[in-house]
Amino acid sequence: MKKFKGLAHIHSNYSDGKYSLKKLKQMFKGKIQFIMINDHKEMMSNEKIKQMKNECKKISTSNFLAIPGIECKLNENVHLLVSGLGKRRLEQLRTIVHINKEFLKKRFFNLKSIDCIEVWNRYNDGILPNSKSLQIFTKLKENYGNLHATGGLELHSSIQTDIIIEVLCEKLTEKQILTSIKRGHFISYSKNIILFPDGNITYLKNRNMLFVKNVIYLFLRKVAIFGRKLSWKPKPILKIYHKICGEK
């Protein structure tokens, strides 16, 4: 068995991402072995989805794999990532992102069809997993034992690659990568923590300092977003924010 490193939850310019698939390959080749594209279904026609799928196949090689996927809205806040387009439903990887308690009360599908819950969204949660998402995951896992906790970048225009998905399988193929994740043969990690599929976390640095740093990051992110909406650019704050989150 071999270990393959990849990046999950990436948006390309087929929807609202900044970079083309070709550019993403140039950026990440040599650093990781696979990327999982999840472009917004609502922003693409069936023809565009087909083009994205074909381009993923075209740029994939024996040492770099681009896995095509989409992101669908389940409601205004909660979304579903489907990775492995063209495969049978049982072979696809299906991940819920931005999960919340309100959604659980009104859910309209069987969670047995879900493989993972993204409890660590780099764009929204920062350098640590979302505590509320983890609590929901832990509760769900009591009834749905095959659920796995995972992390994802939700990369649009940033250049940070600090959540790595390390998958254990024999070959770098779409089927083996997706199957291994579905079976829980992976970890999500950064230089700060390791997130295991069962939701447990190993801290690689001082836990309290990481919490403080993450609170600062989330505050700066809110200020930056607020400033953008008002066309106001607080340069010192944006500079610190960009340094922490990796955005240009």
C-alpha atoms as a PDB file:
ATOM      1  CA  MET A   1       0.000   0.000   0.000  1.00  0.00           C
ATOM      2  CA  LYS A   2       1.172   3.527  -0.788  1.00  0.00           C
ATOM      3  CA  LYS A   3       0.361   6.971   0.586  1.00  0.00           C
ATOM      4  CA  PHE A   4      -0.943   9.578  -1.846  1.00  0.00           C
ATOM      5  CA  LYS A   5      -1.337  13.237  -0.878  1.00  0.00           C
ATOM      6  CA  GLY A   6      -4.106  15.382  -2.293  1.00  0.00           C
ATOM      7  CA  LEU A   7      -6.242  18.503  -1.922  1.00  0.00           C
ATOM      8  CA  ALA A   8     -10.017  18.368  -1.508  1.00  0.00           C
ATOM      9  CA  HIS A   9     -12.874  20.781  -2.253  1.00  0.00           C
ATOM     10  CA  ILE A  10     -11.341  22.912  -5.002  1.00  0.00           C
ATOM     11  CA  HIS A  11     -13.234  25.279  -7.300  1.00  0.00           C
ATOM     12  CA  SER A  12     -11.942  26.038 -10.786  1.00  0.00           C
ATOM     13  CA  ASN A  13     -12.931  28.722 -13.283  1.00  0.00           C
ATOM     14  CA  TYR A  14     -15.604  26.370 -14.575  1.00  0.00           C
ATOM     15  CA  SER A  15     -17.676  27.902 -11.745  1.00  0.00           C
ATOM     16  CA  ASP A  16     -16.509  30.591  -9.300  1.00  0.00           C
ATOM     17  CA  GLY A  17     -12.849  29.660  -8.919  1.00  0.00           C
ATOM     18  CA  LYS A  18     -10.010  31.898 -10.092  1.00  0.00           C
ATOM     19  CA  TYR A  19      -7.789  29.279 -11.694  1.00  0.00           C
ATOM     20  CA  SER A  20      -8.174  26.973 -14.682  1.00  0.00           C
ATOM     21  CA  LEU A  21      -7.609  23.240 -14.264  1.00  0.00           C
ATOM     22  CA  LYS A  22      -4.384  23.567 -16.208  1.00  0.00           C
ATOM     23  CA  LYS A  23      -3.163  26.306 -13.864  1.00  0.00           C
ATOM     24  CA  LEU A  24      -4.147  24.276 -10.802  1.00  0.00           C
ATOM     25  CA  LYS A  25      -2.043  21.407 -12.105  1.00  0.00           C
ATOM     26  CA  GLN A  26       0.921  23.728 -12.622  1.00  0.00           C
ATOM     27  CA  MET A  27       0.523  25.098  -9.104  1.00  0.00           C
ATOM     28  CA  PHE A  28       0.281  21.767  -7.311  1.00  0.00           C
ATOM     29  CA  LYS A  29       2.143  19.195  -9.411  1.00  0.00           C
ATOM     30  CA  GLY A  30       5.163  17.928  -7.523  1.00  0.00           C
ATOM     31  CA  LYS A  31       3.639  18.930  -4.173  1.00  0.00           C
ATOM     32  CA  ILE A  32       0.659  16.575  -4.156  1.00  0.00           C
ATOM     33  CA  GLN A  33      -0.569  13.669  -6.297  1.00  0.00           C
ATOM     34  CA  PHE A  34      -4.282  14.427  -6.706  1.00  0.00           C
ATOM     35  CA  ILE A  35      -6.853  17.220  -6.545  1.00  0.00           C
ATOM     36  CA  MET A  36     -10.594  16.887  -6.072  1.00  0.00           C
ATOM     37  CA  ILE A  37     -12.545  19.436  -8.098  1.00  0.00           C
ATOM     38  CA  ASN A  38     -16.034  20.358  -6.843  1.00  0.00           C
ATOM     39  CA  ASP A  39     -17.445  23.124  -9.034  1.00  0.00           C
ATOM     40  CA  HIS A  40     -20.884  24.577  -8.357  1.00  0.00           C
ATOM     41  CA  LYS A  41     -23.544  22.695 -10.312  1.00  0.00           C
ATOM     42  CA  GLU A  42     -25.866  25.721 -10.314  1.00  0.00           C
ATOM     43  CA  MET A  43     -23.274  27.686 -12.281  1.00  0.00           C
ATOM     44  CA  MET A  44     -22.712  25.084 -14.993  1.00  0.00           C
ATOM     45  CA  SER A  45     -24.740  23.635 -17.823  1.00  0.00           C
ATOM     46  CA  ASN A  46     -24.624  19.899 -18.538  1.00  0.00           C
ATOM     47  CA  GLU A  47     -22.269  20.659 -21.418  1.00  0.00           C
ATOM     48  CA  LYS A  48     -19.936  22.606 -19.152  1.00  0.00           C
ATOM     49  CA  ILE A  49     -19.905  19.772 -16.611  1.00  0.00           C
ATOM     50  CA  LYS A  50     -18.985  17.396 -19.423  1.00  0.00           C
ATOM     51  CA  GLN A  51     -16.151  19.711 -20.504  1.00  0.00           C
ATOM     52  CA  MET A  52     -14.829  19.896 -16.949  1.00  0.00           C
ATOM     53  CA  LYS A  53     -14.932  16.131 -16.637  1.00  0.00           C
ATOM     54  CA  ASN A  54     -13.083  15.669 -19.950  1.00  0.00           C
ATOM     55  CA  GLU A  55     -10.430  18.227 -19.038  1.00  0.00           C
ATOM     56  CA  CYS A  56      -9.804  16.500 -15.698  1.00  0.00           C
ATOM     57  CA  LYS A  57      -9.155  13.310 -17.630  1.00  0.00           C
ATOM     58  CA  LYS A  58      -6.919  15.143 -20.109  1.00  0.00           C
ATOM     59  CA  ILE A  59      -4.619  16.708 -17.495  1.00  0.00           C
ATOM     60  CA  SER A  60      -4.357  13.532 -15.398  1.00  0.00           C
ATOM     61  CA  THR A  61      -1.160  11.498 -15.715  1.00  0.00           C
ATOM     62  CA  SER A  62       0.444   8.541 -13.966  1.00  0.00           C
ATOM     63  CA  ASN A  63       1.657  10.828 -11.151  1.00  0.00           C
ATOM     64  CA  PHE A  64      -1.054  13.489 -11.050  1.00  0.00           C
ATOM     65  CA  LEU A  65      -4.789  12.889 -10.853  1.00  0.00           C
ATOM     66  CA  ALA A  66      -7.617  15.403 -11.236  1.00  0.00           C
ATOM     67  CA  ILE A  67     -10.910  13.983  -9.945  1.00  0.00           C
ATOM     68  CA  PRO A  68     -13.999  15.740 -11.368  1.00  0.00           C
ATOM     69  CA  GLY A  69     -16.901  16.612  -9.103  1.00  0.00           C
ATOM     70  CA  ILE A  70     -19.687  19.056  -8.373  1.00  0.00           C
ATOM     71  CA  GLU A  71     -21.095  20.948  -5.401  1.00  0.00           C
ATOM     72  CA  CYS A  72     -24.887  20.997  -5.069  1.00  0.00           C
ATOM     73  CA  LYS A  73     -27.098  23.041  -2.762  1.00  0.00           C
ATOM     74  CA  LEU A  74     -29.230  21.016  -0.351  1.00  0.00           C
ATOM     75  CA  ASN A  75     -30.521  24.242   1.150  1.00  0.00           C
ATOM     76  CA  GLU A  76     -29.251  27.803   1.398  1.00  0.00           C
ATOM     77  CA  ASN A  77     -26.369  26.890   3.692  1.00  0.00           C
ATOM     78  CA  VAL A  78     -25.735  23.137   3.476  1.00  0.00           C
ATOM     79  CA  HIS A  79     -24.147  21.716   0.341  1.00  0.00           C
ATOM     80  CA  LEU A  80     -23.285  18.281  -1.037  1.00  0.00           C
ATOM     81  CA  LEU A  81     -19.971  17.466  -2.733  1.00  0.00           C
ATOM     82  CA  VAL A  82     -20.116  14.664  -5.280  1.00  0.00           C
ATOM     83  CA  SER A  83     -16.720  13.401  -6.460  1.00  0.00           C
ATOM     84  CA  GLY A  84     -16.323  10.911  -9.284  1.00  0.00           C
ATOM     85  CA  LEU A  85     -18.617  12.060 -12.077  1.00  0.00           C
ATOM     86  CA  GLY A  86     -19.620   9.350 -14.522  1.00  0.00           C
ATOM     87  CA  LYS A  87     -19.316   6.628 -11.922  1.00  0.00           C
ATOM     88  CA  ARG A  88     -22.165   4.687 -10.406  1.00  0.00           C
ATOM     89  CA  ARG A  89     -23.672   6.293  -7.329  1.00  0.00           C
ATOM     90  CA  LEU A  90     -22.199   3.670  -5.017  1.00  0.00           C
ATOM     91  CA  GLU A  91     -18.717   4.425  -6.392  1.00  0.00           C
ATOM     92  CA  GLN A  92     -18.998   8.193  -5.964  1.00  0.00           C
ATOM     93  CA  LEU A  93     -17.711   9.998  -2.883  1.00  0.00           C
ATOM     94  CA  ARG A  94     -20.483  12.060  -1.293  1.00  0.00           C
ATOM     95  CA  THR A  95     -19.608  14.660   1.335  1.00  0.00           C
ATOM     96  CA  ILE A  96     -21.826  17.110   3.227  1.00  0.00           C
ATOM     97  CA  VAL A  97     -20.338  20.568   3.881  1.00  0.00           C
ATOM     98  CA  HIS A  98     -21.483  23.444   6.136  1.00  0.00           C
ATOM     99  CA  ILE A  99     -23.716  21.085   8.118  1.00  0.00           C
ATOM    100  CA  ASN A 100     -25.883  22.536  10.900  1.00  0.00           C
ATOM    101  CA  LYS A 101     -28.522  21.398  13.399  1.00  0.00           C
ATOM    102  CA  GLU A 102     -31.375  23.092  11.538  1.00  0.00           C
ATOM    103  CA  PHE A 103     -30.595  21.064   8.440  1.00  0.00           C
ATOM    104  CA  LEU A 104     -30.662  17.810  10.400  1.00  0.00           C
ATOM    105  CA  LYS A 105     -34.181  18.546  11.607  1.00  0.00           C
ATOM    106  CA  LYS A 106     -35.433  19.105   8.042  1.00  0.00           C
ATOM    107  CA  ARG A 107     -33.246  16.719   6.051  1.00  0.00           C
ATOM    108  CA  PHE A 108     -35.000  15.038   3.162  1.00  0.00           C
ATOM    109  CA  PHE A 109     -32.630  12.243   2.248  1.00  0.00           C
ATOM    110  CA  ASN A 110     -31.122   9.188   3.891  1.00  0.00           C
ATOM    111  CA  LEU A 111     -27.726   9.844   5.458  1.00  0.00           C
ATOM    112  CA  LYS A 112     -26.774   6.258   4.654  1.00  0.00           C
ATOM    113  CA  SER A 113     -25.901   7.541   1.177  1.00  0.00           C
ATOM    114  CA  ILE A 114     -23.328   9.972   2.643  1.00  0.00           C
ATOM    115  CA  ASP A 115     -19.668   8.999   3.096  1.00  0.00           C
ATOM    116  CA  CYS A 116     -18.125  12.044   4.785  1.00  0.00           C
ATOM    117  CA  ILE A 117     -18.902  15.192   6.733  1.00  0.00           C
ATOM    118  CA  GLU A 118     -16.511  18.076   6.081  1.00  0.00           C
ATOM    119  CA  VAL A 119     -15.937  19.256   9.649  1.00  0.00           C
ATOM    120  CA  TRP A 120     -12.889  21.338   8.725  1.00  0.00           C
ATOM    121  CA  ASN A 121     -13.429  23.904   5.989  1.00  0.00           C
ATOM    122  CA  ARG A 122     -10.272  25.991   5.603  1.00  0.00           C
ATOM    123  CA  TYR A 123     -12.040  28.946   3.998  1.00  0.00           C
ATOM    124  CA  ASN A 124     -14.705  29.277   6.712  1.00  0.00           C
ATOM    125  CA  ASP A 125     -13.204  27.572   9.768  1.00  0.00           C
ATOM    126  CA  GLY A 126      -9.544  28.576   9.574  1.00  0.00           C
ATOM    127  CA  ILE A 127      -6.713  26.451  10.880  1.00  0.00           C
ATOM    128  CA  LEU A 128      -8.897  24.279  13.148  1.00  0.00           C
ATOM    129  CA  PRO A 129     -12.012  22.135  12.578  1.00  0.00           C
ATOM    130  CA  ASN A 130     -15.407  23.623  13.336  1.00  0.00           C
ATOM    131  CA  SER A 131     -16.393  22.543  16.869  1.00  0.00           C
ATOM    132  CA  LYS A 132     -20.130  22.578  16.079  1.00  0.00           C
ATOM    133  CA  SER A 133     -19.625  20.471  12.948  1.00  0.00           C
ATOM    134  CA  LEU A 134     -17.561  18.020  14.989  1.00  0.00           C
ATOM    135  CA  GLN A 135     -20.317  17.715  17.597  1.00  0.00           C
ATOM    136  CA  ILE A 136     -22.906  17.017  14.899  1.00  0.00           C
ATOM    137  CA  PHE A 137     -20.591  14.502  13.240  1.00  0.00           C
ATOM    138  CA  THR A 138     -19.977  12.657  16.528  1.00  0.00           C
ATOM    139  CA  LYS A 139     -23.717  12.391  17.153  1.00  0.00           C
ATOM    140  CA  LEU A 140     -24.439  11.212  13.593  1.00  0.00           C
ATOM    141  CA  LYS A 141     -21.687   8.612  13.708  1.00  0.00           C
ATOM    142  CA  GLU A 142     -23.486   6.867  16.566  1.00  0.00           C
ATOM    143  CA  ASN A 143     -26.271   5.975  14.116  1.00  0.00           C
ATOM    144  CA  TYR A 144     -24.305   5.966  10.867  1.00  0.00           C
ATOM    145  CA  GLY A 145     -21.063   4.165  11.624  1.00  0.00           C
ATOM    146  CA  ASN A 146     -19.668   4.474   8.092  1.00  0.00           C
ATOM    147  CA  LEU A 147     -19.494   8.277   8.216  1.00  0.00           C
ATOM    148  CA  HIS A 148     -16.028   9.853   8.161  1.00  0.00           C
ATOM    149  CA  ALA A 149     -14.785  13.285   9.221  1.00  0.00           C
ATOM    150  CA  THR A 150     -12.740  15.129   6.643  1.00  0.00           C
ATOM    151  CA  GLY A 151     -11.164  18.466   5.841  1.00  0.00           C
ATOM    152  CA  GLY A 152     -11.307  20.553   2.668  1.00  0.00           C
ATOM    153  CA  LEU A 153      -9.901  23.810   1.374  1.00  0.00           C
ATOM    154  CA  GLU A 154     -12.916  25.285  -0.416  1.00  0.00           C
ATOM    155  CA  LEU A 155     -10.265  26.911  -2.571  1.00  0.00           C
ATOM    156  CA  HIS A 156     -11.440  29.720  -4.858  1.00  0.00           C
ATOM    157  CA  SER A 157      -8.677  32.268  -5.261  1.00  0.00           C
ATOM    158  CA  SER A 158      -6.321  31.521  -2.385  1.00  0.00           C
ATOM    159  CA  ILE A 159      -2.963  29.835  -2.698  1.00  0.00           C
ATOM    160  CA  GLN A 160      -2.923  28.066   0.667  1.00  0.00           C
ATOM    161  CA  THR A 161      -2.598  24.298   0.565  1.00  0.00           C
ATOM    162  CA  ASP A 162      -2.359  23.594   4.268  1.00  0.00           C
ATOM    163  CA  ILE A 163      -5.014  20.887   4.569  1.00  0.00           C
ATOM    164  CA  ILE A 164      -3.653  17.738   3.004  1.00  0.00           C
ATOM    165  CA  ILE A 165      -5.665  14.562   2.475  1.00  0.00           C
ATOM    166  CA  GLU A 166      -3.354  11.559   2.725  1.00  0.00           C
ATOM    167  CA  VAL A 167      -4.927   8.413   1.279  1.00  0.00           C
ATOM    168  CA  LEU A 168      -3.697   4.854   1.668  1.00  0.00           C
ATOM    169  CA  CYS A 169      -4.197   2.691  -1.430  1.00  0.00           C
ATOM    170  CA  GLU A 170      -2.285   0.655  -4.005  1.00  0.00           C
ATOM    171  CA  LYS A 171      -2.474   2.842  -7.115  1.00  0.00           C
ATOM    172  CA  LEU A 172      -3.131   6.460  -8.032  1.00  0.00           C
ATOM    173  CA  THR A 173      -6.456   5.957  -9.773  1.00  0.00           C
ATOM    174  CA  GLU A 174      -9.779   7.720  -9.305  1.00  0.00           C
ATOM    175  CA  LYS A 175     -11.495   4.519  -8.254  1.00  0.00           C
ATOM    176  CA  GLN A 176      -8.891   3.590  -5.646  1.00  0.00           C
ATOM    177  CA  ILE A 177      -8.628   7.094  -4.171  1.00  0.00           C
ATOM    178  CA  LEU A 178     -12.409   7.433  -3.809  1.00  0.00           C
ATOM    179  CA  THR A 179     -12.860   3.874  -2.516  1.00  0.00           C
ATOM    180  CA  SER A 180     -10.140   4.325   0.101  1.00  0.00           C
ATOM    181  CA  ILE A 181     -11.687   7.556   1.370  1.00  0.00           C
ATOM    182  CA  LYS A 182     -15.124   5.907   1.495  1.00  0.00           C
ATOM    183  CA  ARG A 183     -13.584   3.136   3.619  1.00  0.00           C
ATOM    184  CA  GLY A 184     -11.849   5.581   5.956  1.00  0.00           C
ATOM    185  CA  HIS A 185      -8.305   4.825   4.817  1.00  0.00           C
ATOM    186  CA  PHE A 186      -7.107   8.431   5.008  1.00  0.00           C
ATOM    187  CA  ILE A 187      -6.248  11.334   7.276  1.00  0.00           C
ATOM    188  CA  SER A 188      -6.647  15.109   6.921  1.00  0.00           C
ATOM    189  CA  TYR A 189      -3.720  17.068   8.304  1.00  0.00           C
ATOM    190  CA  SER A 190      -1.799  20.322   8.412  1.00  0.00           C
ATOM    191  CA  LYS A 191       1.364  21.446  10.162  1.00  0.00           C
ATOM    192  CA  ASN A 192      -0.813  22.085  13.226  1.00  0.00           C
ATOM    193  CA  ILE A 193      -3.114  19.069  13.623  1.00  0.00           C
ATOM    194  CA  ILE A 194      -4.088  15.648  12.334  1.00  0.00           C
ATOM    195  CA  LEU A 195      -7.820  14.999  11.860  1.00  0.00           C
ATOM    196  CA  PHE A 196      -8.695  11.306  11.803  1.00  0.00           C
ATOM    197  CA  PRO A 197     -11.763   9.850  10.017  1.00  0.00           C
ATOM    198  CA  ASP A 198     -13.422   9.077  13.359  1.00  0.00           C
ATOM    199  CA  GLY A 199     -13.300  12.762  14.311  1.00  0.00           C
ATOM    200  CA  ASN A 200     -10.414  12.517  16.766  1.00  0.00           C
ATOM    201  CA  ILE A 201      -7.726  15.207  16.593  1.00  0.00           C
ATOM    202  CA  THR A 202      -4.010  15.089  17.396  1.00  0.00           C
ATOM    203  CA  TYR A 203      -2.497  18.510  18.048  1.00  0.00           C
ATOM    204  CA  LEU A 204       1.019  18.965  16.705  1.00  0.00           C
ATOM    205  CA  LYS A 205       1.451  22.391  18.300  1.00  0.00           C
ATOM    206  CA  ASN A 206       0.265  24.039  21.505  1.00  0.00           C
ATOM    207  CA  ARG A 207      -3.516  23.658  21.529  1.00  0.00           C
ATOM    208  CA  ASN A 208      -4.284  26.922  23.326  1.00  0.00           C
ATOM    209  CA  MET A 209      -2.072  28.948  21.014  1.00  0.00           C
ATOM    210  CA  LEU A 210      -3.794  27.416  17.977  1.00  0.00           C
ATOM    211  CA  PHE A 211      -7.198  28.421  19.347  1.00  0.00           C
ATOM    212  CA  VAL A 212      -6.000  31.995  19.900  1.00  0.00           C
ATOM    213  CA  LYS A 213      -4.504  32.177  16.416  1.00  0.00           C
ATOM    214  CA  ASN A 214      -7.700  30.838  14.892  1.00  0.00           C
ATOM    215  CA  VAL A 215      -9.871  33.380  16.727  1.00  0.00           C
ATOM    216  CA  ILE A 216      -7.637  36.147  15.323  1.00  0.00           C
ATOM    217  CA  TYR A 217      -7.839  34.641  11.842  1.00  0.00           C
ATOM    218  CA  LEU A 218     -11.653  34.444  11.914  1.00  0.00           C
ATOM    219  CA  PHE A 219     -11.928  38.018  13.191  1.00  0.00           C
ATOM    220  CA  LEU A 220      -9.606  39.353  10.484  1.00  0.00           C
ATOM    221  CA  ARG A 221     -11.536  37.392   7.872  1.00  0.00           C
ATOM    222  CA  LYS A 222     -14.811  39.043   8.936  1.00  0.00           C
ATOM    223  CA  VAL A 223     -13.201  42.472   8.783  1.00  0.00           C
ATOM    224  CA  ALA A 224     -11.769  41.746   5.337  1.00  0.00           C
ATOM    225  CA  ILE A 225     -15.125  40.523   3.995  1.00  0.00           C
ATOM    226  CA  PHE A 226     -16.922  43.531   5.506  1.00  0.00           C
ATOM    227  CA  GLY A 227     -14.354  45.851   3.949  1.00  0.00           C
ATOM    228  CA  ARG A 228     -14.768  44.306   0.534  1.00  0.00           C
ATOM    229  CA  LYS A 229     -18.540  44.772   0.656  1.00  0.00           C
ATOM    230  CA  LEU A 230     -18.064  48.476   1.357  1.00  0.00           C
ATOM    231  CA  SER A 231     -15.237  48.788  -1.172  1.00  0.00           C
ATOM    232  CA  TRP A 232     -13.101  49.740   1.819  1.00  0.00           C
ATOM    233  CA  LYS A 233      -9.606  48.325   2.040  1.00  0.00           C
ATOM    234  CA  PRO A 234      -8.073  48.376   5.523  1.00  0.00           C
ATOM    235  CA  LYS A 235      -4.571  47.660   4.195  1.00  0.00           C
ATOM    236  CA  PRO A 236      -2.780  46.680   7.447  1.00  0.00           C
ATOM    237  CA  ILE A 237      -5.574  44.229   8.386  1.00  0.00           C
ATOM    238  CA  LEU A 238      -5.833  42.822   4.871  1.00  0.00           C
ATOM    239  CA  LYS A 239      -2.064  42.340   4.763  1.00  0.00           C
ATOM    240  CA  ILE A 240      -2.127  40.258   7.965  1.00  0.00           C
ATOM    241  CA  TYR A 241      -5.212  38.385   6.798  1.00  0.00           C
ATOM    242  CA  HIS A 242      -3.677  37.559   3.428  1.00  0.00           C
ATOM    243  CA  LYS A 243      -0.507  36.354   5.119  1.00  0.00           C
ATOM    244  CA  ILE A 244      -2.457  34.000   7.389  1.00  0.00           C
ATOM    245  CA  CYS A 245      -4.903  32.620   4.830  1.00  0.00           C
ATOM    246  CA  GLY A 246      -2.673  32.682   1.750  1.00  0.00           C
ATOM    247  CA  GLU A 247      -4.927  34.816  -0.428  1.00  0.00           C
ATOM    248  CA  LYS A 248      -3.553  37.266  -2.994  1.00  0.00           C
END
